[in-house]
Amino acid sequence: MRKSDPVQEALKIIPQLSSVISVQIETNHSGPSSHPSIPALLDAAWTAVANKISSLTFETYSEDLAAFLPAIHFGCLEDLTVRVYQFFPATNTTAILQAHLPTLLQRHHQTLKRLALHIYEDSTNLSTILQTLPPFPHLQHFGFVQHFADVDTTDLSGLFHLLSNQRSTLKSLDFYFPTIFGVFPPGEAFFGQGWCQVLLPRLETLKINFPVDWSEGFLRYLHQFSESLSSLVVISYAPINSLVLDLVIPKFARLRLLHHLHLFVTSLNPDQLSVLASTLPRLHSLYLDCVYVSPDKDSTSTHASQIVQVSDIIDLPSNACLYTYLH
């Protein structure tokens, strides 16, 4: 008896998946895929789900991108994530992205509500791609990952273009800038860039995953969203030390609509949390990553039992949540 061909069997089954609405494609982490059947399998999959798919995620090496990206239009696509790594040092990831990504984005700009572009390669720059994009009339969330060297050599002008186009639609931003040299510029320099000056009157959620110094430059950036921001997540490589936290907490008063706050701090004490509670009376969810919890200003403790004592002194709404995670 002839052994059945698994590829042919898969090609028979795939058309039956016409009700699938979410697809995630991931490359084998051992390296780029080279199996000759992949294009045929993906073509069959794209044809099968074309009329229903609303969410699509790619996590792949740039060397595989041309084979993986669909060449057809998905009429209901609302959520697109492209997460790209580079396997071979000599690969020109920027050139690959420029050749294939704009077409995919332009083809679906009328339906996308959520877009995330995560590029994990030191020398790749997305600005030339972002500058080619038309406005997305329904885009509410944008996530962006790109390596950052310094304000003089890292071109983020494409962000200015996209944010300017979407100033009336964006409700959520998620930024992650891995540093190439391990040093991040002062907040006055970084948040003085043009893209940081784009007013986004509908922005409700902001997630920042890179070092911030809580300087006036960064605080000015936050305060421009004071009339709309309800959720703030700041995940820095280094926690906020206690002295800086004392200075920063009162500055939150201008974020009067804030319901959710997530920070990474070195320490907590009851006085700081009391001020935080009175500064943000609408806060419903407080998530604090901390190195240690202290029972008062002048002592430190690494005992998790202190979490209960700290929680007891916060006057938050009855339906509020407090999460304290000790490192």
C-alpha atoms as a PDB file:
ATOM      1  CA  MET A   1       0.000   0.000   0.000  1.00  0.00           C
ATOM      2  CA  ARG A   2       1.364   3.395  -0.992  1.00  0.00           C
ATOM      3  CA  LYS A   3       2.019   5.655   1.966  1.00  0.00           C
ATOM      4  CA  SER A   4      -0.141   8.774   1.881  1.00  0.00           C
ATOM      5  CA  ASP A   5       1.515  12.126   1.282  1.00  0.00           C
ATOM      6  CA  PRO A   6       0.929  14.326   4.382  1.00  0.00           C
ATOM      7  CA  VAL A   7       1.156  17.488   2.295  1.00  0.00           C
ATOM      8  CA  GLN A   8      -1.524  16.297  -0.097  1.00  0.00           C
ATOM      9  CA  GLU A   9      -3.679  15.219   2.839  1.00  0.00           C
ATOM     10  CA  ALA A  10      -3.285  18.666   4.388  1.00  0.00           C
ATOM     11  CA  LEU A  11      -4.217  20.328   1.097  1.00  0.00           C
ATOM     12  CA  LYS A  12      -7.460  18.336   1.130  1.00  0.00           C
ATOM     13  CA  ILE A  13      -8.291  19.314   4.731  1.00  0.00           C
ATOM     14  CA  ILE A  14      -7.406  23.024   4.640  1.00  0.00           C
ATOM     15  CA  PRO A  15     -10.396  24.084   2.476  1.00  0.00           C
ATOM     16  CA  GLN A  16     -12.666  22.818   5.244  1.00  0.00           C
ATOM     17  CA  LEU A  17     -11.330  25.534   7.581  1.00  0.00           C
ATOM     18  CA  SER A  18     -13.391  28.288   5.984  1.00  0.00           C
ATOM     19  CA  SER A  19     -14.884  29.378   9.337  1.00  0.00           C
ATOM     20  CA  VAL A  20     -11.504  30.189  10.913  1.00  0.00           C
ATOM     21  CA  ILE A  21     -11.301  33.856  11.960  1.00  0.00           C
ATOM     22  CA  SER A  22      -7.859  33.973  13.621  1.00  0.00           C
ATOM     23  CA  VAL A  23      -4.551  32.697  12.213  1.00  0.00           C
ATOM     24  CA  GLN A  24      -1.057  32.791  13.718  1.00  0.00           C
ATOM     25  CA  ILE A  25       1.976  31.780  11.661  1.00  0.00           C
ATOM     26  CA  GLU A  26       5.254  31.113  13.477  1.00  0.00           C
ATOM     27  CA  THR A  27       8.628  30.144  12.051  1.00  0.00           C
ATOM     28  CA  ASN A  28      10.548  27.275  13.597  1.00  0.00           C
ATOM     29  CA  HIS A  29      12.950  28.941  16.032  1.00  0.00           C
ATOM     30  CA  SER A  30      15.861  26.807  14.831  1.00  0.00           C
ATOM     31  CA  GLY A  31      16.088  28.843  11.630  1.00  0.00           C
ATOM     32  CA  PRO A  32      14.259  29.909   8.480  1.00  0.00           C
ATOM     33  CA  SER A  33      11.902  27.391   6.928  1.00  0.00           C
ATOM     34  CA  SER A  34      12.934  25.770   3.656  1.00  0.00           C
ATOM     35  CA  HIS A  35      10.301  23.084   3.118  1.00  0.00           C
ATOM     36  CA  PRO A  36       9.145  23.309  -0.526  1.00  0.00           C
ATOM     37  CA  SER A  37       5.508  22.624   0.385  1.00  0.00           C
ATOM     38  CA  ILE A  38       5.068  25.750   2.528  1.00  0.00           C
ATOM     39  CA  PRO A  39       3.945  28.120  -0.290  1.00  0.00           C
ATOM     40  CA  ALA A  40       1.283  25.671  -1.479  1.00  0.00           C
ATOM     41  CA  LEU A  41      -0.017  25.064   2.040  1.00  0.00           C
ATOM     42  CA  LEU A  42      -0.195  28.770   2.814  1.00  0.00           C
ATOM     43  CA  ASP A  43      -1.874  29.609  -0.480  1.00  0.00           C
ATOM     44  CA  ALA A  44      -4.531  27.010   0.287  1.00  0.00           C
ATOM     45  CA  ALA A  45      -4.956  28.390   3.798  1.00  0.00           C
ATOM     46  CA  TRP A  46      -5.308  32.004   2.627  1.00  0.00           C
ATOM     47  CA  THR A  47      -7.916  31.008   0.071  1.00  0.00           C
ATOM     48  CA  ALA A  48      -9.865  29.040   2.665  1.00  0.00           C
ATOM     49  CA  VAL A  49     -10.039  31.818   5.291  1.00  0.00           C
ATOM     50  CA  ALA A  50     -10.163  34.842   2.983  1.00  0.00           C
ATOM     51  CA  ASN A  51     -13.804  35.704   3.668  1.00  0.00           C
ATOM     52  CA  LYS A  52     -13.809  35.259   7.469  1.00  0.00           C
ATOM     53  CA  ILE A  53     -10.373  35.980   8.928  1.00  0.00           C
ATOM     54  CA  SER A  54     -10.286  39.019  11.229  1.00  0.00           C
ATOM     55  CA  SER A  55      -7.007  38.479  13.116  1.00  0.00           C
ATOM     56  CA  LEU A  56      -3.621  37.575  11.625  1.00  0.00           C
ATOM     57  CA  THR A  57      -0.239  37.253  13.349  1.00  0.00           C
ATOM     58  CA  PHE A  58       3.149  36.521  11.822  1.00  0.00           C
ATOM     59  CA  GLU A  59       6.174  35.664  13.943  1.00  0.00           C
ATOM     60  CA  THR A  60       8.924  34.872  11.505  1.00  0.00           C
ATOM     61  CA  TYR A  61      12.452  35.456  10.339  1.00  0.00           C
ATOM     62  CA  SER A  62      12.867  38.146   7.716  1.00  0.00           C
ATOM     63  CA  GLU A  63      14.302  35.447   5.444  1.00  0.00           C
ATOM     64  CA  ASP A  64      10.845  33.777   5.413  1.00  0.00           C
ATOM     65  CA  LEU A  65       8.719  36.878   5.072  1.00  0.00           C
ATOM     66  CA  ALA A  66       8.282  36.820   1.300  1.00  0.00           C
ATOM     67  CA  ALA A  67       6.992  33.227   1.400  1.00  0.00           C
ATOM     68  CA  PHE A  68       4.674  33.779   4.352  1.00  0.00           C
ATOM     69  CA  LEU A  69       2.877  37.033   3.591  1.00  0.00           C
ATOM     70  CA  PRO A  70      -0.414  36.562   1.733  1.00  0.00           C
ATOM     71  CA  ALA A  71      -0.869  37.951  -1.764  1.00  0.00           C
ATOM     72  CA  ILE A  72      -4.649  38.259  -1.487  1.00  0.00           C
ATOM     73  CA  HIS A  73      -7.014  40.674   0.225  1.00  0.00           C
ATOM     74  CA  PHE A  74      -8.866  39.744   3.404  1.00  0.00           C
ATOM     75  CA  GLY A  75     -12.081  41.715   3.475  1.00  0.00           C
ATOM     76  CA  CYS A  76     -12.661  41.399   7.247  1.00  0.00           C
ATOM     77  CA  LEU A  77      -9.105  41.756   8.581  1.00  0.00           C
ATOM     78  CA  GLU A  78      -9.108  44.024  11.652  1.00  0.00           C
ATOM     79  CA  ASP A  79      -6.079  42.914  13.679  1.00  0.00           C
ATOM     80  CA  LEU A  80      -2.602  42.459  12.157  1.00  0.00           C
ATOM     81  CA  THR A  81       0.657  41.738  13.996  1.00  0.00           C
ATOM     82  CA  VAL A  82       3.983  41.331  12.181  1.00  0.00           C
ATOM     83  CA  ARG A  83       6.838  40.207  14.432  1.00  0.00           C
ATOM     84  CA  VAL A  84      10.142  39.840  12.572  1.00  0.00           C
ATOM     85  CA  TYR A  85      13.564  38.523  13.577  1.00  0.00           C
ATOM     86  CA  GLN A  86      16.725  38.100  11.521  1.00  0.00           C
ATOM     87  CA  PHE A  87      18.622  34.805  11.350  1.00  0.00           C
ATOM     88  CA  PHE A  88      21.594  35.399   9.036  1.00  0.00           C
ATOM     89  CA  PRO A  89      23.821  38.434   9.783  1.00  0.00           C
ATOM     90  CA  ALA A  90      24.144  39.294   6.092  1.00  0.00           C
ATOM     91  CA  THR A  91      20.385  39.508   5.501  1.00  0.00           C
ATOM     92  CA  ASN A  92      19.101  42.962   4.572  1.00  0.00           C
ATOM     93  CA  THR A  93      15.937  42.962   6.655  1.00  0.00           C
ATOM     94  CA  THR A  94      15.104  46.575   5.806  1.00  0.00           C
ATOM     95  CA  ALA A  95      15.091  45.793   2.074  1.00  0.00           C
ATOM     96  CA  ILE A  96      12.881  42.721   2.595  1.00  0.00           C
ATOM     97  CA  LEU A  97      10.375  44.681   4.650  1.00  0.00           C
ATOM     98  CA  GLN A  98      10.320  47.526   2.128  1.00  0.00           C
ATOM     99  CA  ALA A  99       9.629  45.066  -0.680  1.00  0.00           C
ATOM    100  CA  HIS A 100       6.745  43.217   0.961  1.00  0.00           C
ATOM    101  CA  LEU A 101       5.234  44.960   3.978  1.00  0.00           C
ATOM    102  CA  PRO A 102       3.807  48.161   2.402  1.00  0.00           C
ATOM    103  CA  THR A 103       1.681  46.172  -0.057  1.00  0.00           C
ATOM    104  CA  LEU A 104       0.139  44.113   2.747  1.00  0.00           C
ATOM    105  CA  LEU A 105      -0.604  47.193   4.852  1.00  0.00           C
ATOM    106  CA  GLN A 106      -1.968  49.290   1.999  1.00  0.00           C
ATOM    107  CA  ARG A 107      -4.189  46.434   0.877  1.00  0.00           C
ATOM    108  CA  HIS A 108      -5.909  46.310   4.274  1.00  0.00           C
ATOM    109  CA  HIS A 109      -5.786  49.921   5.430  1.00  0.00           C
ATOM    110  CA  GLN A 110      -9.566  50.329   5.109  1.00  0.00           C
ATOM    111  CA  THR A 111     -10.410  47.581   7.642  1.00  0.00           C
ATOM    112  CA  LEU A 112      -7.544  47.432  10.155  1.00  0.00           C
ATOM    113  CA  LYS A 113      -8.372  48.477  13.721  1.00  0.00           C
ATOM    114  CA  ARG A 114      -5.243  47.107  15.391  1.00  0.00           C
ATOM    115  CA  LEU A 115      -1.732  47.099  13.935  1.00  0.00           C
ATOM    116  CA  ALA A 116       1.508  45.969  15.577  1.00  0.00           C
ATOM    117  CA  LEU A 117       4.922  46.082  13.879  1.00  0.00           C
ATOM    118  CA  HIS A 118       7.659  44.450  15.970  1.00  0.00           C
ATOM    119  CA  ILE A 119      11.103  44.358  14.360  1.00  0.00           C
ATOM    120  CA  TYR A 120      13.879  42.767  16.416  1.00  0.00           C
ATOM    121  CA  GLU A 121      16.967  43.590  14.371  1.00  0.00           C
ATOM    122  CA  ASP A 122      19.511  46.271  15.237  1.00  0.00           C
ATOM    123  CA  SER A 123      19.916  48.077  11.913  1.00  0.00           C
ATOM    124  CA  THR A 124      16.360  47.876  10.547  1.00  0.00           C
ATOM    125  CA  ASN A 125      14.420  51.110  10.269  1.00  0.00           C
ATOM    126  CA  LEU A 126      10.700  51.267   9.531  1.00  0.00           C
ATOM    127  CA  SER A 127      10.405  54.978   8.795  1.00  0.00           C
ATOM    128  CA  THR A 128      10.564  54.646   5.015  1.00  0.00           C
ATOM    129  CA  ILE A 129       7.742  52.080   5.183  1.00  0.00           C
ATOM    130  CA  LEU A 130       5.550  54.091   7.558  1.00  0.00           C
ATOM    131  CA  GLN A 131       5.896  57.165   5.363  1.00  0.00           C
ATOM    132  CA  THR A 132       4.343  55.292   2.415  1.00  0.00           C
ATOM    133  CA  LEU A 133       1.168  54.374   4.295  1.00  0.00           C
ATOM    134  CA  PRO A 134      -2.174  56.062   3.716  1.00  0.00           C
ATOM    135  CA  PRO A 135      -4.456  56.939   6.640  1.00  0.00           C
ATOM    136  CA  PHE A 136      -6.195  53.984   8.301  1.00  0.00           C
ATOM    137  CA  PRO A 137      -9.742  55.268   8.861  1.00  0.00           C
ATOM    138  CA  HIS A 138     -10.538  52.776  11.659  1.00  0.00           C
ATOM    139  CA  LEU A 139      -7.136  52.228  13.335  1.00  0.00           C
ATOM    140  CA  GLN A 140      -7.456  52.392  17.130  1.00  0.00           C
ATOM    141  CA  HIS A 141      -4.342  50.567  18.358  1.00  0.00           C
ATOM    142  CA  PHE A 142      -0.743  50.793  17.179  1.00  0.00           C
ATOM    143  CA  GLY A 143       2.123  48.751  18.603  1.00  0.00           C
ATOM    144  CA  PHE A 144       5.706  49.494  17.589  1.00  0.00           C
ATOM    145  CA  VAL A 145       9.031  47.798  18.327  1.00  0.00           C
ATOM    146  CA  GLN A 146      12.286  49.039  16.796  1.00  0.00           C
ATOM    147  CA  HIS A 147      15.850  49.139  18.076  1.00  0.00           C
ATOM    148  CA  PHE A 148      17.037  52.568  19.149  1.00  0.00           C
ATOM    149  CA  ALA A 149      20.593  53.955  19.053  1.00  0.00           C
ATOM    150  CA  ASP A 150      20.258  57.706  19.666  1.00  0.00           C
ATOM    151  CA  VAL A 151      18.151  60.663  18.579  1.00  0.00           C
ATOM    152  CA  ASP A 152      20.662  61.647  15.883  1.00  0.00           C
ATOM    153  CA  THR A 153      21.017  58.324  14.067  1.00  0.00           C
ATOM    154  CA  THR A 154      17.694  56.523  14.653  1.00  0.00           C
ATOM    155  CA  ASP A 155      15.120  57.820  12.203  1.00  0.00           C
ATOM    156  CA  LEU A 156      11.632  57.884  13.724  1.00  0.00           C
ATOM    157  CA  SER A 157      10.156  60.325  11.218  1.00  0.00           C
ATOM    158  CA  GLY A 158       7.855  57.554   9.990  1.00  0.00           C
ATOM    159  CA  LEU A 159       6.204  57.530  13.414  1.00  0.00           C
ATOM    160  CA  PHE A 160       5.433  61.215  13.014  1.00  0.00           C
ATOM    161  CA  HIS A 161       3.778  60.480   9.666  1.00  0.00           C
ATOM    162  CA  LEU A 162       1.647  57.617  10.978  1.00  0.00           C
ATOM    163  CA  LEU A 163       0.619  59.329  14.225  1.00  0.00           C
ATOM    164  CA  SER A 164      -0.258  62.524  12.365  1.00  0.00           C
ATOM    165  CA  ASN A 165      -2.489  60.542  10.007  1.00  0.00           C
ATOM    166  CA  GLN A 166      -4.154  58.744  12.915  1.00  0.00           C
ATOM    167  CA  ARG A 167      -4.511  61.576  15.417  1.00  0.00           C
ATOM    168  CA  SER A 168      -8.311  61.363  15.280  1.00  0.00           C
ATOM    169  CA  THR A 169      -8.588  57.558  15.542  1.00  0.00           C
ATOM    170  CA  LEU A 170      -5.877  56.210  17.870  1.00  0.00           C
ATOM    171  CA  LYS A 171      -6.969  55.125  21.335  1.00  0.00           C
ATOM    172  CA  SER A 172      -4.043  52.867  22.289  1.00  0.00           C
ATOM    173  CA  LEU A 173      -0.250  52.985  21.831  1.00  0.00           C
ATOM    174  CA  ASP A 174       2.345  50.384  22.793  1.00  0.00           C
ATOM    175  CA  PHE A 175       6.015  51.358  22.331  1.00  0.00           C
ATOM    176  CA  TYR A 176       9.125  49.254  22.927  1.00  0.00           C
ATOM    177  CA  PHE A 177      12.561  50.572  21.966  1.00  0.00           C
ATOM    178  CA  PRO A 178      15.336  48.060  22.741  1.00  0.00           C
ATOM    179  CA  THR A 179      18.578  50.003  23.067  1.00  0.00           C
ATOM    180  CA  ILE A 180      21.460  49.110  20.790  1.00  0.00           C
ATOM    181  CA  PHE A 181      24.230  50.520  22.998  1.00  0.00           C
ATOM    182  CA  GLY A 182      22.546  49.951  26.352  1.00  0.00           C
ATOM    183  CA  VAL A 183      22.226  53.702  27.012  1.00  0.00           C
ATOM    184  CA  PHE A 184      19.039  55.683  26.519  1.00  0.00           C
ATOM    185  CA  PRO A 185      19.019  59.441  25.927  1.00  0.00           C
ATOM    186  CA  PRO A 186      17.682  61.853  28.562  1.00  0.00           C
ATOM    187  CA  GLY A 187      13.945  62.364  28.498  1.00  0.00           C
ATOM    188  CA  GLU A 188      14.260  65.985  27.369  1.00  0.00           C
ATOM    189  CA  ALA A 189      16.041  64.823  24.191  1.00  0.00           C
ATOM    190  CA  PHE A 190      13.993  61.716  23.478  1.00  0.00           C
ATOM    191  CA  PHE A 191      10.552  63.198  24.095  1.00  0.00           C
ATOM    192  CA  GLY A 192      11.521  66.361  22.255  1.00  0.00           C
ATOM    193  CA  GLN A 193      11.354  64.465  18.957  1.00  0.00           C
ATOM    194  CA  GLY A 194       8.648  65.430  16.484  1.00  0.00           C
ATOM    195  CA  TRP A 195       6.576  62.257  16.817  1.00  0.00           C
ATOM    196  CA  CYS A 196       6.216  62.887  20.553  1.00  0.00           C
ATOM    197  CA  GLN A 197       4.586  66.252  19.842  1.00  0.00           C
ATOM    198  CA  VAL A 198       1.681  64.836  17.822  1.00  0.00           C
ATOM    199  CA  LEU A 199      -1.518  65.483  19.752  1.00  0.00           C
ATOM    200  CA  LEU A 200      -3.738  62.414  20.097  1.00  0.00           C
ATOM    201  CA  PRO A 201      -6.957  63.652  21.705  1.00  0.00           C
ATOM    202  CA  ARG A 202      -8.594  60.211  21.893  1.00  0.00           C
ATOM    203  CA  LEU A 203      -5.648  58.292  23.402  1.00  0.00           C
ATOM    204  CA  GLU A 204      -6.841  56.181  26.342  1.00  0.00           C
ATOM    205  CA  THR A 205      -4.089  53.573  26.781  1.00  0.00           C
ATOM    206  CA  LEU A 206      -0.320  54.111  26.708  1.00  0.00           C
ATOM    207  CA  LYS A 207       2.264  51.392  27.288  1.00  0.00           C
ATOM    208  CA  ILE A 208       5.952  52.322  27.369  1.00  0.00           C
ATOM    209  CA  ASN A 209       8.599  49.628  27.541  1.00  0.00           C
ATOM    210  CA  PHE A 210      11.932  51.433  27.549  1.00  0.00           C
ATOM    211  CA  PRO A 211      14.031  53.444  30.027  1.00  0.00           C
ATOM    212  CA  VAL A 212      12.480  56.743  31.081  1.00  0.00           C
ATOM    213  CA  ASP A 213      14.041  59.173  33.545  1.00  0.00           C
ATOM    214  CA  TRP A 214      10.770  60.801  34.663  1.00  0.00           C
ATOM    215  CA  SER A 215      12.190  64.147  33.617  1.00  0.00           C
ATOM    216  CA  GLU A 216      10.049  67.151  32.781  1.00  0.00           C
ATOM    217  CA  GLY A 217      10.329  66.112  29.123  1.00  0.00           C
ATOM    218  CA  PHE A 218       8.651  62.781  29.793  1.00  0.00           C
ATOM    219  CA  LEU A 219       6.048  64.293  32.103  1.00  0.00           C
ATOM    220  CA  ARG A 220       5.136  66.887  29.466  1.00  0.00           C
ATOM    221  CA  TYR A 221       4.638  64.029  27.024  1.00  0.00           C
ATOM    222  CA  LEU A 222       2.255  62.310  29.453  1.00  0.00           C
ATOM    223  CA  HIS A 223       0.386  65.485  30.334  1.00  0.00           C
ATOM    224  CA  GLN A 224      -0.626  66.128  26.726  1.00  0.00           C
ATOM    225  CA  PHE A 225      -2.976  63.141  27.156  1.00  0.00           C
ATOM    226  CA  SER A 226      -4.424  64.377  30.451  1.00  0.00           C
ATOM    227  CA  GLU A 227      -7.934  64.766  29.037  1.00  0.00           C
ATOM    228  CA  SER A 228      -8.209  61.214  27.714  1.00  0.00           C
ATOM    229  CA  LEU A 229      -5.645  58.798  29.241  1.00  0.00           C
ATOM    230  CA  SER A 230      -7.191  56.096  31.433  1.00  0.00           C
ATOM    231  CA  SER A 231      -4.446  53.433  31.429  1.00  0.00           C
ATOM    232  CA  LEU A 232      -0.688  53.945  31.805  1.00  0.00           C
ATOM    233  CA  VAL A 233       1.935  51.184  31.855  1.00  0.00           C
ATOM    234  CA  VAL A 234       5.615  52.117  32.213  1.00  0.00           C
ATOM    235  CA  ILE A 235       7.947  49.120  32.189  1.00  0.00           C
ATOM    236  CA  SER A 236      11.498  50.425  32.352  1.00  0.00           C
ATOM    237  CA  TYR A 237      14.737  48.448  32.426  1.00  0.00           C
ATOM    238  CA  ALA A 238      15.535  50.136  35.732  1.00  0.00           C
ATOM    239  CA  PRO A 239      12.959  50.710  38.493  1.00  0.00           C
ATOM    240  CA  ILE A 240      11.994  54.166  39.764  1.00  0.00           C
ATOM    241  CA  ASN A 241      13.936  54.850  42.946  1.00  0.00           C
ATOM    242  CA  SER A 242      12.130  56.069  46.035  1.00  0.00           C
ATOM    243  CA  LEU A 243      13.322  59.688  45.842  1.00  0.00           C
ATOM    244  CA  VAL A 244      12.178  60.044  42.225  1.00  0.00           C
ATOM    245  CA  LEU A 245       8.880  58.371  43.064  1.00  0.00           C
ATOM    246  CA  ASP A 246       8.221  60.980  45.762  1.00  0.00           C
ATOM    247  CA  LEU A 247       8.648  63.715  43.146  1.00  0.00           C
ATOM    248  CA  VAL A 248       6.703  61.944  40.405  1.00  0.00           C
ATOM    249  CA  ILE A 249       3.536  60.905  42.274  1.00  0.00           C
ATOM    250  CA  PRO A 250       2.135  64.461  42.648  1.00  0.00           C
ATOM    251  CA  LYS A 251       2.666  64.977  38.898  1.00  0.00           C
ATOM    252  CA  PHE A 252       0.062  62.275  38.235  1.00  0.00           C
ATOM    253  CA  ALA A 253      -2.618  64.691  39.460  1.00  0.00           C
ATOM    254  CA  ARG A 254      -3.046  66.058  35.942  1.00  0.00           C
ATOM    255  CA  LEU A 255      -3.952  62.569  34.682  1.00  0.00           C
ATOM    256  CA  ARG A 256      -7.329  62.915  36.316  1.00  0.00           C
ATOM    257  CA  LEU A 257      -9.048  60.176  34.259  1.00  0.00           C
ATOM    258  CA  LEU A 258      -6.447  57.497  35.033  1.00  0.00           C
ATOM    259  CA  HIS A 259      -8.078  54.194  36.058  1.00  0.00           C
ATOM    260  CA  HIS A 260      -5.150  51.792  35.613  1.00  0.00           C
ATOM    261  CA  LEU A 261      -1.491  52.348  36.547  1.00  0.00           C
ATOM    262  CA  HIS A 262       1.400  49.904  36.239  1.00  0.00           C
ATOM    263  CA  LEU A 263       4.901  50.939  37.388  1.00  0.00           C
ATOM    264  CA  PHE A 264       8.259  49.318  38.172  1.00  0.00           C
ATOM    265  CA  VAL A 265       9.665  50.774  41.406  1.00  0.00           C
ATOM    266  CA  THR A 266      12.518  49.969  43.764  1.00  0.00           C
ATOM    267  CA  SER A 267      10.469  50.299  46.938  1.00  0.00           C
ATOM    268  CA  LEU A 268       7.095  51.200  48.392  1.00  0.00           C
ATOM    269  CA  ASN A 269       6.038  52.674  51.685  1.00  0.00           C
ATOM    270  CA  PRO A 270       2.603  53.571  53.075  1.00  0.00           C
ATOM    271  CA  ASP A 271       3.155  57.317  52.735  1.00  0.00           C
ATOM    272  CA  GLN A 272       3.849  57.010  49.005  1.00  0.00           C
ATOM    273  CA  LEU A 273       0.790  54.879  48.432  1.00  0.00           C
ATOM    274  CA  SER A 274      -1.422  57.203  50.441  1.00  0.00           C
ATOM    275  CA  VAL A 275      -0.311  60.139  48.296  1.00  0.00           C
ATOM    276  CA  LEU A 276      -0.847  58.056  45.182  1.00  0.00           C
ATOM    277  CA  ALA A 277      -4.380  57.166  46.261  1.00  0.00           C
ATOM    278  CA  SER A 278      -5.297  60.775  46.998  1.00  0.00           C
ATOM    279  CA  THR A 279      -3.646  62.017  43.785  1.00  0.00           C
ATOM    280  CA  LEU A 280      -5.560  59.584  41.570  1.00  0.00           C
ATOM    281  CA  PRO A 281      -9.035  59.269  43.108  1.00  0.00           C
ATOM    282  CA  ARG A 282     -10.417  57.404  40.069  1.00  0.00           C
ATOM    283  CA  LEU A 283      -7.751  54.693  40.143  1.00  0.00           C
ATOM    284  CA  HIS A 284      -9.308  51.226  39.987  1.00  0.00           C
ATOM    285  CA  SER A 285      -6.283  49.081  39.183  1.00  0.00           C
ATOM    286  CA  LEU A 286      -2.783  49.577  40.578  1.00  0.00           C
ATOM    287  CA  TYR A 287      -0.045  47.145  39.542  1.00  0.00           C
ATOM    288  CA  LEU A 288       3.375  47.747  41.093  1.00  0.00           C
ATOM    289  CA  ASP A 289       6.493  45.728  40.349  1.00  0.00           C
ATOM    290  CA  CYS A 290       8.776  46.459  43.282  1.00  0.00           C
ATOM    291  CA  VAL A 291      12.132  45.297  44.553  1.00  0.00           C
ATOM    292  CA  TYR A 292      11.057  45.553  48.186  1.00  0.00           C
ATOM    293  CA  VAL A 293       8.239  46.883  50.339  1.00  0.00           C
ATOM    294  CA  SER A 294       9.034  49.037  53.368  1.00  0.00           C
ATOM    295  CA  PRO A 295       6.722  49.582  56.356  1.00  0.00           C
ATOM    296  CA  ASP A 296       7.795  53.231  56.640  1.00  0.00           C
ATOM    297  CA  LYS A 297      10.007  55.810  54.984  1.00  0.00           C
ATOM    298  CA  ASP A 298      13.173  54.977  56.858  1.00  0.00           C
ATOM    299  CA  SER A 299      13.286  51.184  56.830  1.00  0.00           C
ATOM    300  CA  THR A 300      13.245  48.459  54.239  1.00  0.00           C
ATOM    301  CA  SER A 301      11.824  44.966  54.157  1.00  0.00           C
ATOM    302  CA  THR A 302      11.861  42.136  51.723  1.00  0.00           C
ATOM    303  CA  HIS A 303       9.047  40.237  53.411  1.00  0.00           C
ATOM    304  CA  ALA A 304       5.972  39.597  51.316  1.00  0.00           C
ATOM    305  CA  SER A 305       3.859  39.919  54.505  1.00  0.00           C
ATOM    306  CA  GLN A 306       4.330  43.679  54.245  1.00  0.00           C
ATOM    307  CA  ILE A 307       2.097  43.667  51.172  1.00  0.00           C
ATOM    308  CA  VAL A 308      -0.951  43.215  53.405  1.00  0.00           C
ATOM    309  CA  GLN A 309       0.027  46.158  55.622  1.00  0.00           C
ATOM    310  CA  VAL A 310       0.612  48.386  52.598  1.00  0.00           C
ATOM    311  CA  SER A 311      -2.647  47.362  50.970  1.00  0.00           C
ATOM    312  CA  ASP A 312      -4.643  48.120  54.095  1.00  0.00           C
ATOM    313  CA  ILE A 313      -3.748  51.810  54.133  1.00  0.00           C
ATOM    314  CA  ILE A 314      -4.856  52.569  50.550  1.00  0.00           C
ATOM    315  CA  ASP A 315      -8.278  54.119  50.212  1.00  0.00           C
ATOM    316  CA  LEU A 316      -9.213  52.830  46.753  1.00  0.00           C
ATOM    317  CA  PRO A 317     -12.750  52.210  45.467  1.00  0.00           C
ATOM    318  CA  SER A 318     -14.397  49.011  46.674  1.00  0.00           C
ATOM    319  CA  ASN A 319     -14.047  47.399  43.231  1.00  0.00           C
ATOM    320  CA  ALA A 320     -10.392  48.389  42.844  1.00  0.00           C
ATOM    321  CA  CYS A 321      -7.519  45.957  42.435  1.00  0.00           C
ATOM    322  CA  LEU A 322      -4.014  46.252  43.917  1.00  0.00           C
ATOM    323  CA  TYR A 323      -1.260  44.004  42.611  1.00  0.00           C
ATOM    324  CA  THR A 324       2.175  44.163  44.230  1.00  0.00           C
ATOM    325  CA  TYR A 325       4.851  41.906  42.828  1.00  0.00           C
ATOM    326  CA  LEU A 326       8.082  41.461  44.759  1.00  0.00           C
ATOM    327  CA  HIS A 327      11.209  40.669  42.758  1.00  0.00           C
END
